[in-house]
Every structure is written in structure tokens, then in C-alpha cells.
PDB file of N, CA and C in Angstrom:
ATOM      1  N   MET A   1     104.544  80.210  98.409  1.00  0.00           N
ATOM      2  CA  MET A   1     103.855  80.339  99.676  1.00  0.00           C
ATOM      3  C   MET A   1     102.705  81.337  99.617  1.00  0.00           C
ATOM      4  N   LEU A   2     102.575  82.090  98.520  1.00  0.00           N
ATOM      5  CA  LEU A   2     101.526  83.114  98.456  1.00  0.00           C
ATOM      6  C   LEU A   2     100.128  82.591  98.751  1.00  0.00           C
ATOM      7  N   PRO A   3      99.735  81.410  98.240  1.00  0.00           N
ATOM      8  CA  PRO A   3      98.382  80.936  98.543  1.00  0.00           C
ATOM      9  C   PRO A   3      98.093  80.788 100.035  1.00  0.00           C
ATOM     10  N   LEU A   4      99.120  80.618 100.842  1.00  0.00           N
ATOM     11  CA  LEU A   4      98.940  80.491 102.291  1.00  0.00           C
ATOM     12  C   LEU A   4      98.619  81.826 102.959  1.00  0.00           C
ATOM     13  N   PHE A   5      98.802  82.915 102.225  1.00  0.00           N
ATOM     14  CA  PHE A   5      98.650  84.242 102.814  1.00  0.00           C
ATOM     15  C   PHE A   5      97.590  85.079 102.107  1.00  0.00           C
ATOM     16  N   GLN A   6      96.556  84.429 101.563  1.00  0.00           N
ATOM     17  CA  GLN A   6      95.461  85.133 100.888  1.00  0.00           C
ATOM     18  C   GLN A   6      94.875  86.211 101.801  1.00  0.00           C
ATOM     19  N   GLY A   7      94.741  87.431 101.255  1.00  0.00           N
ATOM     20  CA  GLY A   7      94.132  88.524 102.009  1.00  0.00           C
ATOM     21  C   GLY A   7      95.037  89.181 103.027  1.00  0.00           C
ATOM     22  N   LYS A   8      96.282  88.730 103.133  1.00  0.00           N
ATOM     23  CA  LYS A   8      97.216  89.279 104.126  1.00  0.00           C
ATOM     24  C   LYS A   8      98.260  90.161 103.449  1.00  0.00           C
ATOM     25  N   ILE A   9      98.851  91.043 104.231  1.00  0.00           N
ATOM     26  CA  ILE A   9      99.933  91.894 103.755  1.00  0.00           C
ATOM     27  C   ILE A   9     101.238  91.103 103.834  1.00  0.00           C
ATOM     28  N   VAL A  10     102.006  91.127 102.743  1.00  0.00           N
ATOM     29  CA  VAL A  10     103.267  90.393 102.677  1.00  0.00           C
ATOM     30  C   VAL A  10     104.370  91.298 102.142  1.00  0.00           C
ATOM     31  N   ARG A  11     105.596  90.827 102.301  1.00  0.00           N
ATOM     32  CA  ARG A  11     106.768  91.432 101.671  1.00  0.00           C
ATOM     33  C   ARG A  11     107.300  90.385 100.705  1.00  0.00           C
ATOM     34  N   LEU A  12     107.476  90.772  99.453  1.00  0.00           N
ATOM     35  CA  LEU A  12     107.913  89.841  98.418  1.00  0.00           C
ATOM     36  C   LEU A  12     109.165  90.391  97.758  1.00  0.00           C
ATOM     37  N   THR A  13     110.301  89.740  98.005  1.00  0.00           N
ATOM     38  CA  THR A  13     111.546  90.124  97.356  1.00  0.00           C
ATOM     39  C   THR A  13     111.593  89.402  96.022  1.00  0.00           C
ATOM     40  N   CYS A  14     111.836  90.161  94.935  1.00  0.00           N
ATOM     41  CA  CYS A  14     111.692  89.570  93.603  1.00  0.00           C
ATOM     42  C   CYS A  14     112.500  90.327  92.566  1.00  0.00           C
ATOM     43  N   LYS A  15     112.574  89.714  91.380  1.00  0.00           N
ATOM     44  CA  LYS A  15     113.251  90.309  90.236  1.00  0.00           C
ATOM     45  C   LYS A  15     112.197  90.735  89.223  1.00  0.00           C
ATOM     46  N   VAL A  16     112.283  91.966  88.733  1.00  0.00           N
ATOM     47  CA  VAL A  16     111.332  92.472  87.745  1.00  0.00           C
ATOM     48  C   VAL A  16     111.591  91.776  86.403  1.00  0.00           C
ATOM     49  N   VAL A  17     110.524  91.201  85.843  1.00  0.00           N
ATOM     50  CA  VAL A  17     110.615  90.529  84.548  1.00  0.00           C
ATOM     51  C   VAL A  17     110.024  91.411  83.449  1.00  0.00           C
ATOM     52  N   GLU A  18     108.884  92.056  83.758  1.00  0.00           N
ATOM     53  CA  GLU A  18     108.190  92.862  82.758  1.00  0.00           C
ATOM     54  C   GLU A  18     107.426  93.982  83.456  1.00  0.00           C
ATOM     55  N   ILE A  19     107.459  95.151  82.836  1.00  0.00           N
ATOM     56  CA  ILE A  19     106.670  96.285  83.329  1.00  0.00           C
ATOM     57  C   ILE A  19     105.676  96.656  82.238  1.00  0.00           C
ATOM     58  N   ASN A  20     104.390  96.561  82.561  1.00  0.00           N
ATOM     59  CA  ASN A  20     103.327  96.930  81.633  1.00  0.00           C
ATOM     60  C   ASN A  20     102.706  98.225  82.152  1.00  0.00           C
ATOM     61  N   LEU A  21     103.200  99.347  81.639  1.00  0.00           N
ATOM     62  CA  LEU A  21     102.737 100.645  82.126  1.00  0.00           C
ATOM     63  C   LEU A  21     101.281 100.901  81.795  1.00  0.00           C
ATOM     64  N   GLU A  22     100.823 100.410  80.651  1.00  0.00           N
ATOM     65  CA  GLU A  22      99.441 100.645  80.231  1.00  0.00           C
ATOM     66  C   GLU A  22      98.443 100.033  81.213  1.00  0.00           C
ATOM     67  N   ASP A  23      98.666  98.785  81.609  1.00  0.00           N
ATOM     68  CA  ASP A  23      97.762  98.093  82.526  1.00  0.00           C
ATOM     69  C   ASP A  23      98.185  98.225  83.984  1.00  0.00           C
ATOM     70  N   GLU A  24      99.307  98.908  84.232  1.00  0.00           N
ATOM     71  CA  GLU A  24      99.856  99.085  85.577  1.00  0.00           C
ATOM     72  C   GLU A  24     100.093  97.751  86.275  1.00  0.00           C
ATOM     73  N   ILE A  25     100.714  96.846  85.543  1.00  0.00           N
ATOM     74  CA  ILE A  25     101.024  95.514  86.087  1.00  0.00           C
ATOM     75  C   ILE A  25     102.523  95.265  85.952  1.00  0.00           C
ATOM     76  N   LEU A  26     103.109  94.723  86.990  1.00  0.00           N
ATOM     77  CA  LEU A  26     104.477  94.232  86.934  1.00  0.00           C
ATOM     78  C   LEU A  26     104.421  92.715  86.944  1.00  0.00           C
ATOM     79  N   VAL A  27     105.268  92.098  86.164  1.00  0.00           N
ATOM     80  CA  VAL A  27     105.454  90.659  86.265  1.00  0.00           C
ATOM     81  C   VAL A  27     106.831  90.476  86.888  1.00  0.00           C
ATOM     82  N   VAL A  28     106.880  89.720  87.970  1.00  0.00           N
ATOM     83  CA  VAL A  28     108.134  89.526  88.690  1.00  0.00           C
ATOM     84  C   VAL A  28     108.405  88.038  88.887  1.00  0.00           C
ATOM     85  N   GLU A  29     109.661  87.754  89.160  1.00  0.00           N
ATOM     86  CA  GLU A  29     110.061  86.392  89.518  1.00  0.00           C
ATOM     87  C   GLU A  29     110.385  86.395  91.007  1.00  0.00           C
ATOM     88  N   ALA A  30     109.631  85.623  91.770  1.00  0.00           N
ATOM     89  CA  ALA A  30     109.847  85.533  93.214  1.00  0.00           C
ATOM     90  C   ALA A  30     111.167  84.814  93.492  1.00  0.00           C
ATOM     91  N   SER A  31     111.605  84.870  94.717  1.00  0.00           N
ATOM     92  CA  SER A  31     112.885  84.260  95.083  1.00  0.00           C
ATOM     93  C   SER A  31     112.901  82.749  94.857  1.00  0.00           C
ATOM     94  N   ASP A  32     111.720  82.105  94.833  1.00  0.00           N
ATOM     95  CA  ASP A  32     111.656  80.664  94.579  1.00  0.00           C
ATOM     96  C   ASP A  32     111.545  80.344  93.090  1.00  0.00           C
ATOM     97  N   GLY A  33     111.577  81.377  92.238  1.00  0.00           N
ATOM     98  CA  GLY A  33     111.513  81.179  90.793  1.00  0.00           C
ATOM     99  C   GLY A  33     110.114  81.272  90.218  1.00  0.00           C
ATOM    100  N   GLY A  34     109.097  81.365  91.059  1.00  0.00           N
ATOM    101  CA  GLY A  34     107.718  81.462  90.586  1.00  0.00           C
ATOM    102  C   GLY A  34     107.400  82.846  90.043  1.00  0.00           C
ATOM    103  N   GLU A  35     106.500  82.883  89.066  1.00  0.00           N
ATOM    104  CA  GLU A  35     106.081  84.146  88.471  1.00  0.00           C
ATOM    105  C   GLU A  35     104.876  84.706  89.222  1.00  0.00           C
ATOM    106  N   VAL A  36     104.918  86.009  89.513  1.00  0.00           N
ATOM    107  CA  VAL A  36     103.857  86.675  90.260  1.00  0.00           C
ATOM    108  C   VAL A  36     103.489  87.965  89.535  1.00  0.00           C
ATOM    109  N   LYS A  37     102.189  88.230  89.443  1.00  0.00           N
ATOM    110  CA  LYS A  37     101.725  89.510  88.895  1.00  0.00           C
ATOM    111  C   LYS A  37     101.551  90.478  90.047  1.00  0.00           C
ATOM    112  N   ILE A  38     102.078  91.673  89.852  1.00  0.00           N
ATOM    113  CA  ILE A  38     101.959  92.723  90.848  1.00  0.00           C
ATOM    114  C   ILE A  38     101.061  93.805  90.265  1.00  0.00           C
ATOM    115  N   LEU A  39      99.948  94.056  90.934  1.00  0.00           N
ATOM    116  CA  LEU A  39      99.073  95.143  90.517  1.00  0.00           C
ATOM    117  C   LEU A  39      99.721  96.421  91.012  1.00  0.00           C
ATOM    118  N   ASN A  40     100.203  97.210  90.079  1.00  0.00           N
ATOM    119  CA  ASN A  40     101.059  98.347  90.387  1.00  0.00           C
ATOM    120  C   ASN A  40     100.271  99.559  90.854  1.00  0.00           C
ATOM    121  N   ASN A  41     100.841 100.261  91.787  1.00  0.00           N
ATOM    122  CA  ASN A  41     100.316 101.531  92.247  1.00  0.00           C
ATOM    123  C   ASN A  41     101.004 102.616  91.421  1.00  0.00           C
ATOM    124  N   ARG A  42     100.261 103.551  90.872  1.00  0.00           N
ATOM    125  CA  ARG A  42     100.848 104.593  90.016  1.00  0.00           C
ATOM    126  C   ARG A  42     101.954 105.387  90.699  1.00  0.00           C
ATOM    127  N   ASN A  43     101.891 105.510  92.002  1.00  0.00           N
ATOM    128  CA  ASN A  43     102.861 106.331  92.724  1.00  0.00           C
ATOM    129  C   ASN A  43     104.161 105.595  93.033  1.00  0.00           C
ATOM    130  N   VAL A  44     104.276 104.344  92.625  1.00  0.00           N
ATOM    131  CA  VAL A  44     105.462 103.547  92.930  1.00  0.00           C
ATOM    132  C   VAL A  44     106.491 103.730  91.820  1.00  0.00           C
ATOM    133  N   ASN A  45     107.750 103.927  92.208  1.00  0.00           N
ATOM    134  CA  ASN A  45     108.813 104.148  91.236  1.00  0.00           C
ATOM    135  C   ASN A  45     109.778 102.960  91.259  1.00  0.00           C
ATOM    136  N   VAL A  46     109.638 102.060  90.293  1.00  0.00           N
ATOM    137  CA  VAL A  46     110.506 100.896  90.186  1.00  0.00           C
ATOM    138  C   VAL A  46     111.710 101.297  89.347  1.00  0.00           C
ATOM    139  N   LYS A  47     112.884 101.304  89.981  1.00  0.00           N
ATOM    140  CA  LYS A  47     114.120 101.705  89.293  1.00  0.00           C
ATOM    141  C   LYS A  47     115.073 100.539  89.093  1.00  0.00           C
ATOM    142  N   ASP A  48     115.101  99.626  90.047  1.00  0.00           N
ATOM    143  CA  ASP A  48     116.097  98.557  90.050  1.00  0.00           C
ATOM    144  C   ASP A  48     115.503  97.239  89.568  1.00  0.00           C
ATOM    145  N   PRO A  49     116.356  96.322  89.104  1.00  0.00           N
ATOM    146  CA  PRO A  49     115.853  95.013  88.668  1.00  0.00           C
ATOM    147  C   PRO A  49     115.397  94.128  89.828  1.00  0.00           C
ATOM    148  N   ILE A  50     115.902  94.389  91.023  1.00  0.00           N
ATOM    149  CA  ILE A  50     115.473  93.618  92.195  1.00  0.00           C
ATOM    150  C   ILE A  50     114.766  94.579  93.141  1.00  0.00           C
ATOM    151  N   ILE A  51     113.554  94.176  93.546  1.00  0.00           N
ATOM    152  CA  ILE A  51     112.723  95.026  94.395  1.00  0.00           C
ATOM    153  C   ILE A  51     112.099  94.202  95.515  1.00  0.00           C
ATOM    154  N   GLU A  52     111.613  94.901  96.511  1.00  0.00           N
ATOM    155  CA  GLU A  52     110.791  94.263  97.533  1.00  0.00           C
ATOM    156  C   GLU A  52     109.424  94.940  97.474  1.00  0.00           C
ATOM    157  N   VAL A  53     108.404  94.139  97.231  1.00  0.00           N
ATOM    158  CA  VAL A  53     107.037  94.633  97.135  1.00  0.00           C
ATOM    159  C   VAL A  53     106.348  94.397  98.471  1.00  0.00           C
ATOM    160  N   VAL A  54     105.680  95.420  98.961  1.00  0.00           N
ATOM    161  CA  VAL A  54     104.824  95.282 100.132  1.00  0.00           C
ATOM    162  C   VAL A  54     103.408  95.427  99.618  1.00  0.00           C
ATOM    163  N   GLY A  55     102.574  94.433  99.877  1.00  0.00           N
ATOM    164  CA  GLY A  55     101.217  94.503  99.376  1.00  0.00           C
ATOM    165  C   GLY A  55     100.349  93.367  99.876  1.00  0.00           C
ATOM    166  N   LYS A  56      99.099  93.388  99.445  1.00  0.00           N
ATOM    167  CA  LYS A  56      98.103  92.403  99.874  1.00  0.00           C
ATOM    168  C   LYS A  56      97.988  91.298  98.831  1.00  0.00           C
ATOM    169  N   VAL A  57      98.016  90.057  99.287  1.00  0.00           N
ATOM    170  CA  VAL A  57      97.854  88.916  98.392  1.00  0.00           C
ATOM    171  C   VAL A  57      96.384  88.848  97.976  1.00  0.00           C
ATOM    172  N   VAL A  58      96.149  88.959  96.653  1.00  0.00           N
ATOM    173  CA  VAL A  58      94.775  88.983  96.142  1.00  0.00           C
ATOM    174  C   VAL A  58      94.483  87.810  95.207  1.00  0.00           C
ATOM    175  N   GLY A  59      95.429  86.897  95.078  1.00  0.00           N
ATOM    176  CA  GLY A  59      95.254  85.707  94.262  1.00  0.00           C
ATOM    177  C   GLY A  59      96.421  84.779  94.497  1.00  0.00           C
ATOM    178  N   GLU A  60      96.344  83.574  93.942  1.00  0.00           N
ATOM    179  CA  GLU A  60      97.424  82.604  94.165  1.00  0.00           C
ATOM    180  C   GLU A  60      98.776  83.126  93.713  1.00  0.00           C
ATOM    181  N   ARG A  61      98.770  83.925  92.654  1.00  0.00           N
ATOM    182  CA  ARG A  61     100.010  84.488  92.117  1.00  0.00           C
ATOM    183  C   ARG A  61      99.846  85.964  91.812  1.00  0.00           C
ATOM    184  N   CYS A  62      99.192  86.680  92.710  1.00  0.00           N
ATOM    185  CA  CYS A  62      98.905  88.087  92.466  1.00  0.00           C
ATOM    186  C   CYS A  62      98.944  88.874  93.780  1.00  0.00           C
ATOM    187  N   VAL A  63      99.640  90.019  93.742  1.00  0.00           N
ATOM    188  CA  VAL A  63      99.758  90.888  94.909  1.00  0.00           C
ATOM    189  C   VAL A  63      99.392  92.309  94.488  1.00  0.00           C
ATOM    190  N   ALA A  64      98.539  92.960  95.262  1.00  0.00           N
ATOM    191  CA  ALA A  64      98.211  94.367  95.048  1.00  0.00           C
ATOM    192  C   ALA A  64      99.233  95.195  95.816  1.00  0.00           C
ATOM    193  N   MET A  65     100.086  95.901  95.082  1.00  0.00           N
ATOM    194  CA  MET A  65     101.204  96.613  95.678  1.00  0.00           C
ATOM    195  C   MET A  65     100.749  97.841  96.468  1.00  0.00           C
ATOM    196  N   ALA A  66     101.288  97.987  97.673  1.00  0.00           N
ATOM    197  CA  ALA A  66     101.086  99.191  98.473  1.00  0.00           C
ATOM    198  C   ALA A  66     102.324 100.074  98.382  1.00  0.00           C
ATOM    199  N   SER A  67     103.497  99.429  98.393  1.00  0.00           N
ATOM    200  CA  SER A  67     104.752 100.164  98.264  1.00  0.00           C
ATOM    201  C   SER A  67     105.831  99.255  97.706  1.00  0.00           C
ATOM    202  N   CYS A  68     106.937  99.871  97.369  1.00  0.00           N
ATOM    203  CA  CYS A  68     108.035  99.131  96.747  1.00  0.00           C
ATOM    204  C   CYS A  68     109.356  99.718  97.232  1.00  0.00           C
ATOM    205  N   VAL A  69     110.318  98.822  97.486  1.00  0.00           N
ATOM    206  CA  VAL A  69     111.659  99.242  97.864  1.00  0.00           C
ATOM    207  C   VAL A  69     112.606  98.743  96.784  1.00  0.00           C
ATOM    208  N   ASN A  70     113.372  99.648  96.184  1.00  0.00           N
ATOM    209  CA  ASN A  70     114.370  99.263  95.192  1.00  0.00           C
ATOM    210  C   ASN A  70     115.582  98.689  95.916  1.00  0.00           C
ATOM    211  N   LEU A  71     116.037  97.501  95.489  1.00  0.00           N
ATOM    212  CA  LEU A  71     117.116  96.802  96.193  1.00  0.00           C
ATOM    213  C   LEU A  71     118.396  96.648  95.374  1.00  0.00           C
ATOM    214  N   GLY A  72     118.457  97.273  94.214  1.00  0.00           N
ATOM    215  CA  GLY A  72     119.681  97.220  93.424  1.00  0.00           C
ATOM    216  C   GLY A  72     119.695  96.089  92.423  1.00  0.00           C
ATOM    217  N   LYS A  73     120.925  95.650  92.086  1.00  0.00           N
ATOM    218  CA  LYS A  73     121.109  94.654  91.033  1.00  0.00           C
ATOM    219  C   LYS A  73     121.749  93.362  91.516  1.00  0.00           C
ATOM    220  N   ALA A  74     122.315  93.356  92.707  1.00  0.00           N
ATOM    221  CA  ALA A  74     123.185  92.250  93.093  1.00  0.00           C
ATOM    222  C   ALA A  74     122.689  91.392  94.258  1.00  0.00           C
ATOM    223  N   LEU A  75     121.452  91.501  94.645  1.00  0.00           N
ATOM    224  CA  LEU A  75     120.954  90.705  95.764  1.00  0.00           C
ATOM    225  C   LEU A  75     120.852  89.235  95.362  1.00  0.00           C
ATOM    226  N   ASP A  76     121.311  88.357  96.214  1.00  0.00           N
ATOM    227  CA  ASP A  76     121.275  86.908  95.960  1.00  0.00           C
ATOM    228  C   ASP A  76     119.888  86.370  96.309  1.00  0.00           C
ATOM    229  N   LEU A  77     119.049  86.159  95.289  1.00  0.00           N
ATOM    230  CA  LEU A  77     117.679  85.698  95.529  1.00  0.00           C
ATOM    231  C   LEU A  77     117.633  84.263  96.049  1.00  0.00           C
ATOM    232  N   LYS A  78     118.638  83.473  95.780  1.00  0.00           N
ATOM    233  CA  LYS A  78     118.697  82.113  96.339  1.00  0.00           C
ATOM    234  C   LYS A  78     118.855  82.188  97.857  1.00  0.00           C
ATOM    235  N   LEU A  79     119.695  83.099  98.314  1.00  0.00           N
ATOM    236  CA  LEU A  79     119.873  83.301  99.753  1.00  0.00           C
ATOM    237  C   LEU A  79     118.582  83.815 100.389  1.00  0.00           C
ATOM    238  N   VAL A  80     117.894  84.726  99.697  1.00  0.00           N
ATOM    239  CA  VAL A  80     116.603  85.220 100.181  1.00  0.00           C
ATOM    240  C   VAL A  80     115.622  84.063 100.322  1.00  0.00           C
ATOM    241  N   ASP A  81     115.553  83.202  99.296  1.00  0.00           N
ATOM    242  CA  ASP A  81     114.631  82.071  99.327  1.00  0.00           C
ATOM    243  C   ASP A  81     114.963  81.104 100.464  1.00  0.00           C
ATOM    244  N   ASP A  82     116.240  80.820 100.659  1.00  0.00           N
ATOM    245  CA  ASP A  82     116.640  79.935 101.764  1.00  0.00           C
ATOM    246  C   ASP A  82     116.237  80.527 103.120  1.00  0.00           C
ATOM    247  N   THR A  83     116.377  81.838 103.267  1.00  0.00           N
ATOM    248  CA  THR A  83     116.000  82.508 104.511  1.00  0.00           C
ATOM    249  C   THR A  83     114.495  82.427 104.742  1.00  0.00           C
ATOM    250  N   ILE A  84     113.715  82.655 103.694  1.00  0.00           N
ATOM    251  CA  ILE A  84     112.257  82.568 103.798  1.00  0.00           C
ATOM    252  C   ILE A  84     111.831  81.161 104.207  1.00  0.00           C
ATOM    253  N   LYS A  85     112.433  80.160 103.600  1.00  0.00           N
ATOM    254  CA  LYS A  85     112.099  78.770 103.949  1.00  0.00           C
ATOM    255  C   LYS A  85     112.444  78.477 105.405  1.00  0.00           C
ATOM    256  N   LEU A  86     113.564  78.985 105.867  1.00  0.00           N
ATOM    257  CA  LEU A  86     113.977  78.762 107.250  1.00  0.00           C
ATOM    258  C   LEU A  86     113.024  79.458 108.225  1.00  0.00           C
ATOM    259  N   ILE A  87     112.660  80.693 107.924  1.00  0.00           N
ATOM    260  CA  ILE A  87     111.748  81.438 108.802  1.00  0.00           C
ATOM    261  C   ILE A  87     110.391  80.739 108.901  1.00  0.00           C
ATOM    262  N   HIS A  88     109.921  80.148 107.786  1.00  0.00           N
ATOM    263  CA  HIS A  88     108.600  79.513 107.769  1.00  0.00           C
ATOM    264  C   HIS A  88     108.631  78.024 108.109  1.00  0.00           C
ATOM    265  N   ASP A  89     109.792  77.513 108.445  1.00  0.00           N
ATOM    266  CA  ASP A  89     109.912  76.128 108.886  1.00  0.00           C
ATOM    267  C   ASP A  89     109.100  75.974 110.176  1.00  0.00           C
ATOM    268  N   PRO A  90     108.264  74.941 110.272  1.00  0.00           N
ATOM    269  CA  PRO A  90     107.432  74.762 111.472  1.00  0.00           C
ATOM    270  C   PRO A  90     108.207  74.726 112.788  1.00  0.00           C
ATOM    271  N   ARG A  91     109.467  74.355 112.727  1.00  0.00           N
ATOM    272  CA  ARG A  91     110.286  74.334 113.945  1.00  0.00           C
ATOM    273  C   ARG A  91     110.549  75.732 114.485  1.00  0.00           C
ATOM    274  N   PHE A  92     110.499  76.741 113.585  1.00  0.00           N
ATOM    275  CA  PHE A  92     110.872  78.099 113.978  1.00  0.00           C
ATOM    276  C   PHE A  92     109.761  79.119 113.814  1.00  0.00           C
ATOM    277  N   PHE A  93     108.769  78.843 112.956  1.00  0.00           N
ATOM    278  CA  PHE A  93     107.739  79.831 112.616  1.00  0.00           C
ATOM    279  C   PHE A  93     107.036  80.325 113.872  1.00  0.00           C
ATOM    280  N   GLY A  94     106.975  81.613 114.033  1.00  0.00           N
ATOM    281  CA  GLY A  94     106.331  82.211 115.191  1.00  0.00           C
ATOM    282  C   GLY A  94     107.229  82.340 116.405  1.00  0.00           C
ATOM    283  N   LYS A  95     108.427  81.784 116.336  1.00  0.00           N
ATOM    284  CA  LYS A  95     109.342  81.843 117.464  1.00  0.00           C
ATOM    285  C   LYS A  95     110.477  82.832 117.267  1.00  0.00           C
ATOM    286  N   LEU A  96     110.687  83.243 116.016  1.00  0.00           N
ATOM    287  CA  LEU A  96     111.820  84.119 115.709  1.00  0.00           C
ATOM    288  C   LEU A  96     111.535  85.569 116.039  1.00  0.00           C
ATOM    289  N   PHE A  97     110.273  85.961 116.022  1.00  0.00           N
ATOM    290  CA  PHE A  97     109.955  87.380 116.213  1.00  0.00           C
ATOM    291  C   PHE A  97     108.991  87.567 117.358  1.00  0.00           C
TER     292      PHE A  97
END
């Protein structure tokens, strides 16, 4: 869904796949299984394998991170993905909040 939110601030719950400290880039797997590059902020401390990134969508598969929340090791990303799909379903989008 990232291409639908170009230039907007999003929350992306994901699993860390690779941390490239030299280039300050994280490669993560989104809840739908897609790979996303996260342009890392030096002040962000990624400790857990599952994180929630808050940042601006700057490409089809790229987010510029503003902040990060460590979510531990046991979050069910399939459940997260199902919830995201339900929230963005046209029957409900804009009505839940």
C-alpha cells in the first residue's frame, strides 16, 4: 500500500531483515511480506527484530524514518496485515476513526 501514500507520514509495522550502519539504511519486511528500505535516522535505536517505523513515504518501497518503536520478538505480522487490510477496506476506510 506504500505507493498510495507517497509524501505522507505512515506507521509501518515490520520485521528487520538487514541493518546497514554505514549507509544508515534498514531493510525490513512489511507485514504483507514486501521488502521496504528505511532511510535510518542516526538517533533511532533498533533493538528488536520487530519494529514500527513512523516516517514519510519517499518512494514506492522507501520510507524516511522519523522514529521507531521496538515491538519485541513475538508480534504476529499476519494479524497486523489482516488488520491493515480491514482498516483500508473501502467499506470501513475513514469511518473507523
